[in-house]
Amino acid sequence: MSAVKERIFGAVTVMSEVDAEKVWEMILNNIPSRSWENVEEVTPDEWDKKMLSDVKENPDCNEFISEEELMKELNL
């Protein structure tokens, strides 16, 4: 999380419920909402097509591990 987001999170954590509601209203009124309709559609390039093909055909692309296993592998 970025430093700015951490400061915002910290500020919201300690503010009153009334102030938090005011901040939420400010967010709703001033920051444009985003949806899937706002995402630009692009034509897949060769790399994208290769990845999509691998998802369907490469069995290694269907192997998953849990978050816990990953953290152990990464020594975290």
N, C-alpha and C. Protein backbone atom coordinates (compact mmCIF):
# COMPACT_ATOMS: atom_id res chain seq x y z
N MET A 1 0.86 -1.17 0.00
CA MET A 1 0.00 0.00 0.00
C MET A 1 0.90 1.23 0.00
N SER A 2 0.51 2.23 -0.76
CA SER A 2 1.31 3.45 -0.85
C SER A 2 1.21 4.25 0.45
N ALA A 3 2.15 5.16 0.62
CA ALA A 3 2.17 6.00 1.82
C ALA A 3 0.90 6.85 1.92
N VAL A 4 0.43 7.35 0.79
CA VAL A 4 -0.78 8.19 0.79
C VAL A 4 -1.98 7.36 1.25
N LYS A 5 -2.12 6.15 0.71
CA LYS A 5 -3.25 5.29 1.10
C LYS A 5 -3.15 4.91 2.57
N GLU A 6 -1.94 4.69 3.07
CA GLU A 6 -1.78 4.37 4.49
C GLU A 6 -2.20 5.54 5.36
N ARG A 7 -1.85 6.77 4.95
CA ARG A 7 -2.26 7.95 5.72
C ARG A 7 -3.77 8.11 5.71
N ILE A 8 -4.39 7.89 4.54
CA ILE A 8 -5.85 7.99 4.45
C ILE A 8 -6.49 6.94 5.34
N PHE A 9 -6.00 5.71 5.26
CA PHE A 9 -6.53 4.62 6.08
C PHE A 9 -6.40 4.96 7.56
N GLY A 10 -5.25 5.47 7.96
CA GLY A 10 -5.04 5.84 9.36
C GLY A 10 -5.98 6.94 9.81
N ALA A 11 -6.20 7.92 8.94
CA ALA A 11 -7.09 9.03 9.29
C ALA A 11 -8.53 8.55 9.45
N VAL A 12 -8.96 7.69 8.55
CA VAL A 12 -10.33 7.16 8.63
C VAL A 12 -10.49 6.30 9.87
N THR A 13 -9.47 5.57 10.23
CA THR A 13 -9.53 4.68 11.39
C THR A 13 -9.81 5.44 12.68
N VAL A 14 -9.26 6.63 12.82
CA VAL A 14 -9.41 7.36 14.07
C VAL A 14 -10.53 8.39 14.06
N MET A 15 -11.15 8.65 12.91
CA MET A 15 -12.20 9.67 12.87
C MET A 15 -13.53 9.13 13.36
N SER A 16 -14.40 10.03 13.71
CA SER A 16 -15.73 9.63 14.19
C SER A 16 -16.55 9.07 13.04
N GLU A 17 -17.61 8.38 13.39
CA GLU A 17 -18.50 7.80 12.37
C GLU A 17 -19.12 8.90 11.51
N VAL A 18 -19.47 10.00 12.14
CA VAL A 18 -20.06 11.13 11.40
C VAL A 18 -19.07 11.68 10.39
N ASP A 19 -17.82 11.87 10.81
CA ASP A 19 -16.81 12.36 9.88
C ASP A 19 -16.53 11.34 8.78
N ALA A 20 -16.52 10.07 9.12
CA ALA A 20 -16.29 9.03 8.12
C ALA A 20 -17.39 9.06 7.06
N GLU A 21 -18.63 9.28 7.49
CA GLU A 21 -19.74 9.37 6.54
C GLU A 21 -19.56 10.58 5.61
N LYS A 22 -19.07 11.70 6.16
CA LYS A 22 -18.82 12.89 5.34
C LYS A 22 -17.73 12.60 4.30
N VAL A 23 -16.68 11.90 4.71
CA VAL A 23 -15.60 11.55 3.79
C VAL A 23 -16.13 10.63 2.70
N TRP A 24 -16.96 9.65 3.09
CA TRP A 24 -17.53 8.73 2.10
C TRP A 24 -18.37 9.49 1.08
N GLU A 25 -19.19 10.42 1.54
CA GLU A 25 -20.00 11.24 0.62
C GLU A 25 -19.11 12.05 -0.31
N MET A 26 -18.02 12.59 0.22
CA MET A 26 -17.09 13.35 -0.59
C MET A 26 -16.48 12.46 -1.68
N ILE A 27 -16.13 11.24 -1.31
CA ILE A 27 -15.58 10.30 -2.29
C ILE A 27 -16.61 10.01 -3.38
N LEU A 28 -17.83 9.71 -2.98
CA LEU A 28 -18.87 9.39 -3.95
C LEU A 28 -19.16 10.55 -4.89
N ASN A 29 -19.10 11.78 -4.36
CA ASN A 29 -19.44 12.95 -5.15
C ASN A 29 -18.30 13.50 -6.00
N ASN A 30 -17.06 13.17 -5.65
CA ASN A 30 -15.92 13.80 -6.32
C ASN A 30 -15.03 12.87 -7.12
N ILE A 31 -15.12 11.60 -6.86
CA ILE A 31 -14.26 10.66 -7.58
C ILE A 31 -15.15 9.85 -8.52
N PRO A 32 -14.85 9.90 -9.81
CA PRO A 32 -15.72 9.20 -10.76
C PRO A 32 -15.73 7.70 -10.50
N SER A 33 -16.92 7.14 -10.60
CA SER A 33 -17.00 5.69 -10.43
C SER A 33 -16.45 5.02 -11.68
N ARG A 34 -15.95 3.84 -11.49
CA ARG A 34 -15.38 3.11 -12.61
C ARG A 34 -16.13 1.79 -12.73
N SER A 35 -16.26 1.35 -13.96
CA SER A 35 -16.93 0.08 -14.18
C SER A 35 -16.29 -0.59 -15.39
N TRP A 36 -16.72 -1.81 -15.66
CA TRP A 36 -16.18 -2.53 -16.81
C TRP A 36 -16.45 -1.78 -18.10
N GLU A 37 -17.49 -0.97 -18.16
CA GLU A 37 -17.78 -0.21 -19.37
C GLU A 37 -16.70 0.83 -19.65
N ASN A 38 -15.93 1.23 -18.62
CA ASN A 38 -14.89 2.24 -18.79
C ASN A 38 -13.55 1.65 -19.21
N VAL A 39 -13.45 0.34 -19.27
CA VAL A 39 -12.19 -0.29 -19.62
C VAL A 39 -12.05 -0.34 -21.14
N GLU A 40 -10.94 0.16 -21.62
CA GLU A 40 -10.70 0.17 -23.06
C GLU A 40 -10.53 -1.25 -23.57
N GLU A 41 -11.17 -1.56 -24.67
CA GLU A 41 -11.03 -2.88 -25.28
C GLU A 41 -9.94 -2.81 -26.34
N VAL A 42 -9.01 -3.74 -26.27
CA VAL A 42 -7.92 -3.77 -27.23
C VAL A 42 -7.85 -5.16 -27.87
N THR A 43 -7.32 -5.21 -29.05
CA THR A 43 -7.15 -6.47 -29.75
C THR A 43 -5.93 -7.18 -29.19
N PRO A 44 -6.06 -8.47 -28.86
CA PRO A 44 -4.90 -9.19 -28.31
C PRO A 44 -3.75 -9.26 -29.32
N ASP A 45 -2.54 -9.07 -28.82
CA ASP A 45 -1.38 -9.22 -29.69
C ASP A 45 -0.92 -10.68 -29.63
N GLU A 46 0.19 -10.99 -30.27
CA GLU A 46 0.66 -12.38 -30.33
C GLU A 46 0.98 -12.94 -28.95
N TRP A 47 1.55 -12.10 -28.09
CA TRP A 47 1.87 -12.54 -26.72
C TRP A 47 0.60 -12.89 -25.96
N ASP A 48 -0.41 -12.05 -26.08
CA ASP A 48 -1.69 -12.32 -25.42
C ASP A 48 -2.29 -13.62 -25.92
N LYS A 49 -2.24 -13.83 -27.24
CA LYS A 49 -2.79 -15.05 -27.83
C LYS A 49 -2.06 -16.28 -27.33
N LYS A 50 -0.74 -16.17 -27.17
CA LYS A 50 0.06 -17.29 -26.66
C LYS A 50 -0.36 -17.60 -25.22
N MET A 51 -0.52 -16.59 -24.40
CA MET A 51 -0.93 -16.82 -23.01
C MET A 51 -2.30 -17.47 -22.95
N LEU A 52 -3.24 -16.99 -23.75
CA LEU A 52 -4.58 -17.57 -23.76
C LEU A 52 -4.55 -19.02 -24.23
N SER A 53 -3.70 -19.30 -25.20
CA SER A 53 -3.55 -20.67 -25.68
C SER A 53 -2.98 -21.56 -24.58
N ASP A 54 -1.98 -21.05 -23.85
CA ASP A 54 -1.39 -21.82 -22.76
C ASP A 54 -2.41 -22.14 -21.67
N VAL A 55 -3.28 -21.21 -21.38
CA VAL A 55 -4.30 -21.45 -20.36
C VAL A 55 -5.15 -22.66 -20.74
N LYS A 56 -5.45 -22.79 -22.02
CA LYS A 56 -6.29 -23.88 -22.48
C LYS A 56 -5.52 -25.19 -22.64
N GLU A 57 -4.27 -25.11 -23.10
CA GLU A 57 -3.56 -26.31 -23.53
C GLU A 57 -2.43 -26.77 -22.64
N ASN A 58 -1.82 -25.89 -21.89
CA ASN A 58 -0.66 -26.25 -21.09
C ASN A 58 -1.11 -26.67 -19.69
N PRO A 59 -0.89 -27.94 -19.32
CA PRO A 59 -1.34 -28.40 -18.01
C PRO A 59 -0.67 -27.67 -16.85
N ASP A 60 0.54 -27.13 -17.07
CA ASP A 60 1.20 -26.38 -16.01
C ASP A 60 0.45 -25.10 -15.64
N CYS A 61 -0.38 -24.62 -16.56
CA CYS A 61 -1.15 -23.41 -16.30
C CYS A 61 -2.38 -23.70 -15.43
N ASN A 62 -2.59 -24.93 -15.09
CA ASN A 62 -3.74 -25.31 -14.26
C ASN A 62 -3.32 -25.83 -12.90
N GLU A 63 -2.07 -25.61 -12.53
CA GLU A 63 -1.59 -26.02 -11.22
C GLU A 63 -1.61 -24.81 -10.29
N PHE A 64 -2.21 -24.99 -9.14
CA PHE A 64 -2.32 -23.90 -8.19
C PHE A 64 -1.85 -24.37 -6.83
N ILE A 65 -1.34 -23.42 -6.06
CA ILE A 65 -0.97 -23.71 -4.68
C ILE A 65 -1.67 -22.70 -3.78
N SER A 66 -1.77 -23.05 -2.54
CA SER A 66 -2.43 -22.16 -1.58
C SER A 66 -1.51 -20.98 -1.25
N GLU A 67 -2.11 -19.96 -0.69
CA GLU A 67 -1.33 -18.81 -0.27
C GLU A 67 -0.29 -19.23 0.76
N GLU A 68 -0.69 -20.12 1.66
CA GLU A 68 0.22 -20.60 2.70
C GLU A 68 1.44 -21.30 2.08
N GLU A 69 1.19 -22.16 1.07
CA GLU A 69 2.30 -22.85 0.41
C GLU A 69 3.22 -21.85 -0.30
N LEU A 70 2.63 -20.86 -0.94
CA LEU A 70 3.42 -19.86 -1.63
C LEU A 70 4.30 -19.10 -0.66
N MET A 71 3.73 -18.70 0.47
CA MET A 71 4.50 -17.95 1.46
C MET A 71 5.68 -18.79 1.96
N LYS A 72 5.46 -20.09 2.16
CA LYS A 72 6.55 -20.97 2.58
C LYS A 72 7.63 -21.04 1.51
N GLU A 73 7.21 -21.17 0.24
CA GLU A 73 8.17 -21.23 -0.86
C GLU A 73 9.00 -19.97 -0.95
N LEU A 74 8.38 -18.84 -0.65
CA LEU A 74 9.06 -17.55 -0.72
C LEU A 74 9.78 -17.19 0.57
N ASN A 75 9.71 -18.10 1.56
CA ASN A 75 10.32 -17.87 2.88
C ASN A 75 9.78 -16.60 3.55
N LEU A 76 8.46 -16.41 3.44
CA LEU A 76 7.82 -15.25 4.06
C LEU A 76 6.93 -15.68 5.20
